[in-house]
Protein backbone atom coordinates (compact mmCIF):
# COMPACT_ATOMS: atom_id res chain seq x y z
CA UNK A 1 28.13 -3.55 88.65
CA UNK A 2 24.88 -1.73 87.93
CA UNK A 3 24.69 2.01 88.54
CA UNK A 4 21.17 3.29 89.10
CA UNK A 5 20.17 6.85 88.29
CA UNK A 6 18.77 8.57 91.42
CA UNK A 7 16.84 11.81 91.42
CA UNK A 8 18.89 13.77 93.99
CA UNK A 9 22.41 15.07 93.61
CA UNK A 10 25.40 14.22 95.78
CA UNK A 11 26.32 16.89 98.35
CA UNK A 12 29.97 17.82 98.69
CA UNK A 13 31.83 16.49 101.73
CA UNK A 14 32.20 20.07 102.97
CA UNK A 15 28.43 20.45 102.79
CA UNK A 16 26.99 17.31 104.37
CA UNK A 17 23.26 16.69 104.27
CA UNK A 18 23.12 16.01 108.00
CA UNK A 19 24.26 17.42 111.32
CA UNK A 20 25.52 14.93 113.90
CA UNK A 21 23.93 16.80 116.80
CA UNK A 22 20.59 16.75 114.99
CA UNK A 23 20.87 13.01 114.40
CA UNK A 24 21.76 12.36 118.05
CA UNK A 25 18.42 13.81 119.17
CA UNK A 26 16.68 10.69 117.91
CA UNK A 27 18.51 8.67 120.56
CA UNK A 28 17.00 10.41 123.56
CA UNK A 29 14.84 8.26 125.81
CA UNK A 30 11.06 8.63 125.59
CA UNK A 31 9.58 7.84 128.99
CA UNK A 32 5.99 8.93 128.53
CA UNK A 33 3.29 6.62 127.23
CA UNK A 34 0.53 8.34 125.29
CA UNK A 35 -2.71 7.71 123.45
CA UNK A 36 -4.32 10.41 121.30
CA UNK A 37 -5.78 11.25 117.92
CA UNK A 38 -3.27 12.93 115.61
CA UNK A 39 -4.87 16.27 114.80
CA UNK A 40 -1.92 18.16 113.30
CA UNK A 41 -2.03 16.87 109.74
CA UNK A 42 -0.73 18.34 106.50
CA UNK A 43 -2.47 16.97 103.41
CA UNK A 44 -5.13 14.27 103.58
CA UNK A 45 -4.92 10.69 104.84
CA UNK A 46 -6.40 8.37 102.16
CA UNK A 47 -9.72 6.99 103.36
CA UNK A 48 -8.86 3.66 101.68
CA UNK A 49 -5.95 3.30 104.08
CA UNK A 50 -7.55 1.35 106.92
CA UNK A 51 -5.81 -0.86 109.42
CA UNK A 52 -2.99 -0.66 111.96
CA UNK A 53 0.71 0.07 111.63
CA UNK A 54 2.61 -1.47 114.55
CA UNK A 55 6.24 -0.58 115.11
CA UNK A 56 8.84 -1.67 117.68
CA UNK A 57 12.19 -0.33 118.84
CA UNK A 58 14.22 0.65 121.91
CA UNK A 59 12.63 3.44 123.90
CA UNK A 60 15.00 3.83 126.87
CA UNK A 61 18.71 4.56 126.54
CA UNK A 62 19.41 5.18 130.24
CA UNK A 63 18.19 3.70 133.52
CA UNK A 64 18.70 5.44 136.83
CA UNK A 65 21.13 7.87 135.23
CA UNK A 66 23.33 5.16 133.71
CA UNK A 67 23.46 5.10 129.93
CA UNK A 68 23.23 1.86 128.02
CA UNK A 69 26.21 1.24 125.74
CA UNK A 70 24.34 0.33 122.57
CA UNK A 71 20.82 1.20 121.40
CA UNK A 72 20.07 -2.47 120.65
CA UNK A 73 20.22 -3.04 124.44
CA UNK A 74 17.30 -0.65 125.04
CA UNK A 75 13.91 -1.79 126.36
CA UNK A 76 11.28 -2.35 123.67
CA UNK A 77 8.55 0.22 123.09
CA UNK A 78 5.71 -0.60 120.70
CA UNK A 79 3.80 2.10 118.82
CA UNK A 80 0.44 1.68 117.08
CA UNK A 81 -1.00 3.95 114.40
CA UNK A 82 -4.66 3.06 113.82
CA UNK A 83 -6.16 4.23 110.50
CA UNK A 84 -9.88 4.59 109.77
CA UNK A 85 -11.98 7.09 107.83
CA UNK A 86 -9.04 9.39 107.09
CA UNK A 87 -8.12 9.76 110.77
CA UNK A 88 -5.21 8.25 112.68
CA UNK A 89 -4.92 7.40 116.37
CA UNK A 90 -1.51 7.01 118.02
CA UNK A 91 -0.47 5.13 121.13
CA UNK A 92 2.80 3.83 122.53
CA UNK A 93 3.64 1.53 125.42
CA UNK A 94 6.70 -0.21 126.80
CA UNK A 95 6.66 -3.99 126.79
CA UNK A 96 6.40 -5.00 130.44
CA UNK A 97 9.07 -7.68 130.40
CA UNK A 98 10.22 -9.14 133.69
CA UNK A 99 13.54 -7.33 133.36
CA UNK A 100 11.93 -3.99 132.52
CA UNK A 101 9.71 -4.13 135.61
CA UNK A 102 12.58 -5.11 137.90
CA UNK A 103 14.92 -2.38 136.64
CA UNK A 104 12.24 0.30 136.80
CA UNK A 105 11.50 -0.69 140.39
CA UNK A 106 15.20 -0.73 141.31
CA UNK A 107 16.03 2.46 139.41
CA UNK A 108 19.24 0.99 138.03
CA UNK A 109 20.63 -1.47 135.50
CA UNK A 110 20.38 -5.04 136.76
CA UNK A 111 21.27 -6.99 133.60
CA UNK A 112 24.11 -7.10 131.12
CA UNK A 113 23.19 -6.20 127.57
CA UNK A 114 24.05 -8.37 124.59
CA UNK A 115 25.68 -5.49 122.71
CA UNK A 116 27.80 -3.97 125.46
CA UNK A 117 25.83 -2.64 128.43
CA UNK A 118 27.35 -3.71 131.76
CA UNK A 119 25.95 -3.69 135.26
CA UNK A 120 27.40 -1.06 137.62
CA UNK A 121 30.32 -2.27 139.70
CA UNK A 122 32.95 -3.02 137.07
CA UNK A 123 34.17 -6.39 135.89
CA UNK A 124 33.70 -8.06 139.26
CA UNK A 125 29.95 -7.35 139.23
CA UNK A 126 29.70 -8.80 135.73
CA UNK A 127 32.03 -11.78 136.14
CA UNK A 128 30.43 -15.02 134.87
CA UNK A 129 27.00 -13.34 134.71
CA UNK A 130 25.40 -14.68 131.54
CA UNK A 131 21.80 -13.78 132.36
CA UNK A 132 20.29 -11.55 129.67
CA UNK A 133 17.16 -9.48 129.87
CA UNK A 134 14.47 -10.26 127.28
CA UNK A 135 14.13 -6.74 125.87
CA UNK A 136 11.40 -7.46 123.27
CA UNK A 137 12.62 -4.53 121.16
CA UNK A 138 13.19 -5.69 117.57
CA UNK A 139 9.94 -6.40 115.76
CA UNK A 140 6.20 -6.72 116.28
CA UNK A 141 3.97 -9.18 114.48
CA UNK A 142 0.23 -9.68 114.21
CA UNK A 143 -0.49 -13.28 113.16
CA UNK A 144 -2.96 -15.98 114.15
CA UNK A 145 -4.99 -13.49 116.19
CA UNK A 146 -2.00 -12.55 118.36
CA UNK A 147 0.15 -9.43 118.58
CA UNK A 148 3.71 -10.47 119.47
CA UNK A 149 6.71 -8.33 120.39
CA UNK A 150 9.83 -10.12 119.15
CA UNK A 151 13.47 -10.24 120.21
CA UNK A 152 15.60 -12.94 118.67
CA UNK A 153 17.28 -13.96 121.92
CA UNK A 154 14.21 -15.30 123.72
CA UNK A 155 10.47 -15.97 123.65
CA UNK A 156 7.98 -13.45 122.25
CA UNK A 157 5.76 -11.31 124.47
CA UNK A 158 2.07 -11.20 123.68
CA UNK A 159 0.38 -7.78 123.70
CA UNK A 160 -3.23 -6.66 123.58
CA UNK A 161 -3.56 -5.10 120.09
CA UNK A 162 -6.23 -2.65 121.31
CA UNK A 163 -4.18 -0.92 124.01
CA UNK A 164 -0.69 -2.51 123.79
CA UNK A 165 -0.84 -3.84 127.35
CA UNK A 166 1.54 -6.73 127.95
CA UNK A 167 -0.26 -10.05 128.39
CA UNK A 168 2.92 -12.03 129.07
CA UNK A 169 5.33 -14.46 127.49
CA UNK A 170 3.83 -16.53 124.69
CA UNK A 171 5.05 -20.05 123.98
CA UNK A 172 3.06 -20.40 120.75
CA UNK A 173 0.76 -23.11 121.97
CA UNK A 174 3.51 -25.06 123.71
CA UNK A 175 5.80 -25.12 120.70
CA UNK A 176 8.48 -23.13 122.53
CA UNK A 177 10.12 -24.13 125.78
CA UNK A 178 10.95 -21.54 128.47
CA UNK A 179 14.02 -19.59 127.36
CA UNK A 180 13.85 -20.87 123.78
CA UNK A 181 14.41 -18.19 121.16
CA UNK A 182 12.08 -17.11 118.37
CA UNK A 183 13.71 -14.79 115.82
CA UNK A 184 12.58 -11.24 115.08
CA UNK A 185 12.51 -11.60 111.28
CA UNK A 186 9.55 -13.74 110.26
CA UNK A 187 8.73 -13.98 106.55
CA UNK A 188 5.27 -14.38 105.07
CA UNK A 189 4.95 -16.74 102.14
CA UNK A 190 1.90 -15.21 100.42
CA UNK A 191 0.92 -18.43 98.61
CA UNK A 192 2.61 -21.51 100.05
CA UNK A 193 2.83 -24.40 97.59
CA UNK A 194 2.91 -26.70 100.64
CA UNK A 195 -0.48 -25.44 101.85
CA UNK A 196 -2.58 -25.31 98.71
CA UNK A 197 -1.71 -21.69 98.01
CA UNK A 198 -2.66 -20.37 101.46
CA UNK A 199 -0.43 -17.81 103.21
CA UNK A 200 2.16 -19.28 105.56
CA UNK A 201 4.31 -17.60 108.19
CA UNK A 202 7.93 -18.78 108.40
CA UNK A 203 10.40 -17.99 111.17
CA UNK A 204 13.53 -19.47 112.73
CA UNK A 205 15.73 -19.61 115.80
CA UNK A 206 19.41 -20.34 116.37
CA UNK A 207 21.38 -21.93 119.19
CA UNK A 208 25.07 -21.08 118.93
CA UNK A 209 28.14 -22.89 120.17
CA UNK A 210 31.00 -24.79 118.53
CA UNK A 211 28.35 -25.48 115.89
CA UNK A 212 25.07 -23.61 115.32
CA UNK A 213 21.65 -25.21 115.31
CA UNK A 214 19.09 -23.62 113.00
CA UNK A 215 15.45 -24.44 113.64
CA UNK A 216 12.82 -23.34 111.10
CA UNK A 217 9.07 -23.12 111.76
CA UNK A 218 6.06 -22.71 109.44
CA UNK A 219 2.66 -21.57 110.73
CA UNK A 220 -0.87 -21.52 109.34
CA UNK A 221 -3.14 -18.47 109.18
CA UNK A 222 -4.59 -19.58 112.51
CA UNK A 223 -1.14 -19.62 114.11
CA UNK A 224 -0.87 -23.42 114.24
CA UNK A 225 2.52 -25.04 113.65
CA UNK A 226 2.50 -26.91 110.35
CA UNK A 227 6.15 -27.87 109.85
CA UNK A 228 9.56 -27.53 111.47
CA UNK A 229 13.10 -28.58 110.66
CA UNK A 230 16.34 -28.57 112.64
CA UNK A 231 19.82 -28.47 111.08
CA UNK A 232 23.34 -27.96 112.46
CA UNK A 233 25.99 -25.99 110.60
CA UNK A 234 29.69 -25.77 111.47
CA UNK A 235 30.97 -22.89 113.55
CA UNK A 236 29.57 -19.81 115.30
CA UNK A 237 26.77 -18.16 113.30
CA UNK A 238 25.54 -14.61 113.80
CA UNK A 239 22.28 -14.72 111.80
CA UNK A 240 19.79 -11.90 112.16
CA UNK A 241 17.59 -12.44 109.10
CA UNK A 242 16.91 -14.99 106.38
CA UNK A 243 15.39 -15.17 102.90
CA UNK A 244 12.62 -17.36 101.57
CA UNK A 245 11.50 -18.83 98.24
CA UNK A 246 8.72 -21.35 97.51
CA UNK A 247 11.20 -24.26 97.79
CA UNK A 248 14.07 -22.98 99.97
CA UNK A 249 15.16 -21.16 103.12
CA UNK A 250 18.41 -19.19 102.65
CA UNK A 251 20.65 -18.19 105.57
CA UNK A 252 23.86 -16.13 105.28
CA UNK A 253 26.42 -17.12 107.91
CA UNK A 254 28.55 -14.02 108.44
CA UNK A 255 32.25 -14.89 108.90
CA UNK A 256 32.31 -13.69 112.49
CA UNK A 257 34.66 -14.90 115.19
CA UNK A 258 33.44 -14.82 118.79
CA UNK A 259 35.95 -14.76 121.65
CA UNK A 260 33.94 -15.48 124.82
CA UNK A 261 36.76 -14.90 127.32
CA UNK A 262 36.39 -11.09 127.82
CA UNK A 263 32.65 -11.60 128.13
CA UNK A 264 32.95 -14.36 130.74
CA UNK A 265 35.45 -12.29 132.72
CA UNK A 266 32.99 -9.39 132.85
CA UNK A 267 35.21 -7.09 130.79
CA UNK A 268 33.10 -6.74 127.65
CA UNK A 269 29.59 -7.30 126.38
CA UNK A 270 29.00 -10.26 124.07
CA UNK A 271 28.65 -8.04 121.01
CA UNK A 272 32.04 -6.48 121.74
CA UNK A 273 33.68 -9.90 121.51
CA UNK A 274 32.88 -10.39 117.82
CA UNK A 275 35.15 -9.65 114.85
CA UNK A 276 34.59 -10.05 111.13
CA UNK A 277 37.14 -12.42 109.59
CA UNK A 278 37.62 -10.84 106.18
CA UNK A 279 39.96 -13.65 105.14
CA UNK A 280 37.13 -16.15 105.59
CA UNK A 281 34.18 -16.53 103.19
CA UNK A 282 30.55 -15.84 103.93
CA UNK A 283 28.70 -19.15 103.98
CA UNK A 284 25.31 -19.31 102.29
CA UNK A 285 23.16 -22.11 103.73
CA UNK A 286 20.39 -23.31 101.44
CA UNK A 287 17.80 -25.57 103.10
CA UNK A 288 15.01 -27.25 101.10
CA UNK A 289 11.56 -26.64 102.54
CA UNK A 290 10.69 -30.18 101.45
CA UNK A 291 12.12 -32.45 104.14
CA UNK A 292 12.01 -35.32 101.61
CA UNK A 293 14.01 -33.49 98.94
CA UNK A 294 16.53 -35.69 97.14
CA UNK A 295 19.30 -33.19 97.81
CA UNK A 296 19.60 -31.86 101.33
CA UNK A 297 21.22 -28.79 102.85
CA UNK A 298 23.86 -27.14 100.67
CA UNK A 299 26.50 -24.64 101.79
CA UNK A 300 27.94 -22.25 99.21
CA UNK A 301 30.68 -19.66 99.74
CA UNK A 302 30.99 -16.00 98.79
CA UNK A 303 33.61 -13.30 99.52
CA UNK A 304 33.39 -12.01 103.08
CA UNK A 305 30.75 -9.45 103.94
CA UNK A 306 28.39 -8.67 106.80
CA UNK A 307 24.63 -8.83 106.33
CA UNK A 308 21.88 -7.81 108.71
CA UNK A 309 18.92 -7.73 106.31
CA UNK A 310 17.72 -9.36 103.12
CA UNK A 311 15.31 -7.66 100.76
CA UNK A 312 14.02 -10.77 99.01
CA UNK A 313 14.90 -13.95 97.14
CA UNK A 314 13.42 -15.83 94.19
CA UNK A 315 14.04 -18.93 92.11
CA UNK A 316 15.40 -18.26 88.62
CA UNK A 317 14.82 -21.95 87.90
CA UNK A 318 14.76 -25.15 89.95
CA UNK A 319 18.47 -24.98 90.83
CA UNK A 320 19.29 -21.26 90.63
CA UNK A 321 18.35 -18.63 93.21
CA UNK A 322 18.77 -14.86 93.33
CA UNK A 323 19.03 -13.13 96.72
CA UNK A 324 18.98 -9.35 97.25
CA UNK A 325 20.65 -8.26 100.49
CA UNK A 326 22.13 -5.18 102.15
CA UNK A 327 25.80 -6.05 102.60
CA UNK A 328 28.64 -4.29 104.44
CA UNK A 329 32.33 -4.73 103.63
CA UNK A 330 33.11 -4.84 107.35
CA UNK A 331 31.48 -5.28 110.75
CA UNK A 332 31.63 -2.22 113.00
CA UNK A 333 33.59 -3.32 116.05
CA UNK A 334 31.73 -2.31 119.21
CA UNK A 335 33.84 -0.52 121.83
CA UNK A 336 32.66 -0.20 125.41
CA UNK A 337 34.48 3.08 125.99
CA UNK A 338 32.88 4.85 122.98
CA UNK A 339 29.43 6.47 123.14
CA UNK A 340 27.28 4.97 120.39
CA UNK A 341 26.02 8.46 119.54
CA UNK A 342 29.51 9.62 118.56
CA UNK A 343 29.53 8.08 115.10
CA UNK A 344 31.96 9.08 112.37
CA UNK A 345 29.69 8.09 109.51
CA UNK A 346 32.19 8.94 106.80
CA UNK A 347 34.80 6.63 108.31
CA UNK A 348 32.50 3.61 108.11
CA UNK A 349 31.70 1.34 105.20
CA UNK A 350 28.18 1.89 103.84
CA UNK A 351 25.58 -0.82 103.53
CA UNK A 352 24.80 -1.39 99.85
CA UNK A 353 22.18 -3.49 98.09
CA UNK A 354 23.75 -6.52 96.38
CA UNK A 355 22.33 -9.38 94.37
CA UNK A 356 23.77 -12.85 94.98
CA UNK A 357 23.30 -15.40 92.18
CA UNK A 358 23.35 -18.94 93.61
CA UNK A 359 23.87 -21.96 91.36
CA UNK A 360 23.13 -25.08 93.39
CA UNK A 361 24.38 -27.49 90.73
CA UNK A 362 27.67 -25.71 90.09
CA UNK A 363 28.05 -24.72 93.77
CA UNK A 364 28.93 -21.16 92.72
CA UNK A 365 28.00 -17.67 93.87
CA UNK A 366 28.20 -14.57 91.71
CA UNK A 367 27.31 -11.13 92.98
CA UNK A 368 26.63 -7.64 91.70
CA UNK A 369 26.03 -4.31 93.42
CA UNK A 370 22.85 -2.41 92.63
CA UNK A 371 24.29 1.04 93.36
CA UNK A 372 26.52 3.16 95.59
CA UNK A 373 23.90 4.81 97.81
CA UNK A 374 24.06 3.63 101.43
CA UNK A 375 20.84 1.97 102.50
CA UNK A 376 19.13 -0.29 105.03
CA UNK A 377 15.74 -1.78 105.98
CA UNK A 378 14.73 -3.17 102.56
CA UNK A 379 11.10 -4.17 101.93
CA UNK A 380 9.05 -5.44 98.98
CA UNK A 381 5.35 -5.79 98.22
CA UNK A 382 4.08 -8.53 100.59
CA UNK A 383 2.71 -10.54 97.66
CA UNK A 384 6.20 -10.60 96.12
CA UNK A 385 8.01 -12.25 99.02
CA UNK A 386 9.93 -15.19 97.53
CA UNK A 387 9.03 -14.10 94.01
CA UNK A 388 10.79 -11.99 91.38
CA UNK A 389 9.93 -8.55 92.77
CA UNK A 390 10.49 -5.58 90.52
CA UNK A 391 10.64 -2.95 93.26
CA UNK A 392 12.57 -2.71 96.53
CA UNK A 393 11.99 0.14 98.99
CA UNK A 394 14.71 1.19 101.44
CA UNK A 395 15.72 3.78 103.96
CA UNK A 396 18.77 5.48 102.44
CA UNK A 397 21.32 8.27 102.66
CA UNK A 398 20.61 11.58 100.98
CA UNK A 399 23.78 11.43 98.90
CA UNK A 400 24.38 8.95 96.10
CA UNK A 401 27.65 7.76 97.60
CA UNK A 402 29.49 7.37 100.88
CA UNK A 403 28.09 6.54 104.29
CA UNK A 404 25.60 8.69 106.20
CA UNK A 405 22.55 8.41 108.44
CA UNK A 406 19.30 7.44 106.72
CA UNK A 407 17.49 10.57 105.55
CA UNK A 408 15.70 9.42 102.42
CA UNK A 409 13.42 6.76 100.99
CA UNK A 410 14.57 5.05 97.80
CA UNK A 411 12.53 2.97 95.37
CA UNK A 412 14.74 0.69 93.28
CA UNK A 413 13.38 -0.67 90.02
CA UNK A 414 15.44 -3.83 89.60
CA UNK A 415 14.03 -4.59 86.15
CA UNK A 416 14.64 -1.18 84.58
CA UNK A 417 17.81 -0.63 86.61
CA UNK A 418 16.90 2.80 87.93
CA UNK A 419 15.88 4.38 91.21
CA UNK A 420 13.72 7.18 92.60
CA UNK A 421 14.36 9.00 95.85
CA UNK A 422 12.58 11.32 98.23
CA UNK A 423 14.79 12.96 100.83
CA UNK A 424 13.94 14.53 104.19
CA UNK A 425 17.37 16.15 104.52
CA UNK A 426 18.79 18.21 106.06
CA UNK A 427 16.93 17.77 109.37
CA UNK A 428 14.81 14.66 108.85
CA UNK A 429 15.97 11.10 109.68
CA UNK A 430 14.03 8.04 108.57
CA UNK A 431 13.49 4.47 109.66
CA UNK A 432 12.15 1.40 107.89
CA UNK A 433 9.57 2.13 105.18
CA UNK A 434 6.42 0.00 105.33
CA UNK A 435 4.67 -0.82 102.04
CA UNK A 436 0.87 -1.03 102.21
CA UNK A 437 -0.87 -2.30 99.05
CA UNK A 438 -3.89 -0.33 97.87
CA UNK A 439 -7.16 -2.29 98.07
CA UNK A 440 -7.81 -3.94 94.71
CA UNK A 441 -4.53 -2.54 93.39
CA UNK A 442 -3.07 -4.45 90.46
CA UNK A 443 0.37 -2.94 89.79
CA UNK A 444 3.22 -4.08 92.04
CA UNK A 445 3.94 -0.50 93.17
CA UNK A 446 0.29 0.47 93.65
CA UNK A 447 0.35 1.30 97.32
CA UNK A 448 1.53 3.63 100.04
CA UNK A 449 4.78 3.89 101.96
CA UNK A 450 4.52 4.67 105.68
CA UNK A 451 7.68 6.30 106.98
CA UNK A 452 8.34 7.44 110.54
CA UNK A 453 10.63 10.49 110.37
CA UNK A 454 12.50 12.14 113.24
CA UNK A 455 12.24 15.93 112.74
CA UNK A 456 15.31 17.40 114.42
CA UNK A 457 14.13 20.98 113.87
CA UNK A 458 11.28 20.43 116.37
CA UNK A 459 12.63 17.38 118.27
CA UNK A 460 9.55 15.38 117.47
CA UNK A 461 8.52 12.74 114.95
CA UNK A 462 6.06 12.64 112.09
CA UNK A 463 4.45 9.82 110.15
CA UNK A 464 4.70 10.50 106.43
CA UNK A 465 2.55 8.80 103.80
CA UNK A 466 4.09 8.59 100.32
CA UNK A 467 2.62 7.32 97.06
CA UNK A 468 4.81 4.35 96.15
CA UNK A 469 4.18 4.98 92.46
CA UNK A 470 5.34 8.59 92.60
CA UNK A 471 7.85 9.46 95.32
CA UNK A 472 8.70 12.75 93.60
CA UNK A 473 5.37 14.33 94.53
CA UNK A 474 6.35 14.13 98.18
CA UNK A 475 4.06 13.50 101.10
CA UNK A 476 0.41 12.75 100.52
CA UNK A 477 -0.05 13.39 104.22
CA UNK A 478 2.23 14.30 107.11
CA UNK A 479 1.01 13.52 110.61
CA UNK A 480 2.89 15.40 113.32
CA UNK A 481 3.20 13.73 116.70
CA UNK A 482 3.39 15.68 119.95
CA UNK A 483 6.83 14.28 120.80
CA UNK A 484 9.69 12.34 119.29
CA UNK A 485 9.84 8.59 118.83
CA UNK A 486 13.37 7.17 119.25
CA UNK A 487 14.87 5.49 116.22
CA UNK A 488 13.35 2.04 115.95
CA UNK A 489 13.86 -1.22 114.17
CA UNK A 490 10.97 -3.03 112.50
CA UNK A 491 7.24 -2.83 112.09
CA UNK A 492 4.28 -4.44 110.39
CA UNK A 493 0.98 -3.49 108.80
CA UNK A 494 -2.28 -5.33 109.25
CA UNK A 495 -5.63 -4.43 107.67
CA UNK A 496 -7.19 -5.16 111.07
CA UNK A 497 -8.28 -2.01 112.95
CA UNK A 498 -7.71 -2.02 116.71
CA UNK A 499 -8.68 0.63 119.19
CA UNK A 500 -9.82 0.19 122.77
């Protein structure tokens, strides 16, 4: 186990870095849609920073006075921060999915949520109802001239990048069929060996049942499908993310058991019917990107753990792979009768960054933990995806141990085995950091980190720009919004500038 040396001290349990009521404020619905220049700025926005930061996440946590049971069931709201000439324009807009429009017109919940939300009327109203709403709330991607709002359970929605208006469902040039899923965690291969060194977008979808079908897609810069593969793996697979190297796709199959009976009977949401089987191993599915590879799909096993997100992967040599992932010792069982805002953070296992060493010849997995600070939402320099990245950036807890809400940004140096941290505690709560390389920058950490922070002291949010090479200096610029933005999920940066 490697212990990294962070730059902030651990608070005592009697003096926590956070206040639960403060944290809960970030889960209030935001109903208004706005568009304005951000004029309240501390510091200076770098003039070299030009492009658009898109970000997606649930924006509504109640409909017609009825609360949803889990934030992941909330309708997607996309935000855009447009950078040019040292100024930043903000706008936000809900994705006008079919379900969103119907529920807003009805003024009540009409669909069951994947993670626990039920329609009014008890079990009888939900009995045998397996129709989900496409909530388009997990990620947003600009690729091939299209801006797409992603949710892994269904098709993407295309948006106008200038004003975020919903264009409609997008079937990617006929590649997708109606109702077919397209995951919310695409990976960009910055220099695909299968495309003469050109960038290539890779994504996947799953169809679950007694066995799980994994379909992988690869797209050109123009958004054209170049390759796809389909493979079946044994058992139910809850797969949210995947990792990529020049020669392989890597999927971690969490050892989750799904009991559909309470869901079919209308008693529980689908997410509430899952349990982590700690006595079963995590399966690591390694798929060659070369469909003509002499050795096909391999499945390795590791001690049980639950993984939402991977930081990166790279090939140590032709038959050995390293994968860095945020892993939990247990899966938090969802309970319909418990408000998701009432979280006992200290009672839960923290997510920690682990490295998994895969040996394809020996069929072995070894693992090591990079530190004891709880963390999530790992990112690397976009040119280091699938390569041996030195730095990983994460949202993290303020303290060096235990579980807590994310209040800090951590930069882990995996080569020097150390870390740096900048904390927004006690009243700031962070989301996913976005790394933006500096134009003509040469060093791997030569760039900026964009971090959306919920400021509980004013019940509003701020976009903070940090120097990725020197977190200790604090914010280069802090841009204060006029309102809060609910805690979100994922975002993306593009050097393209959009403004209607």
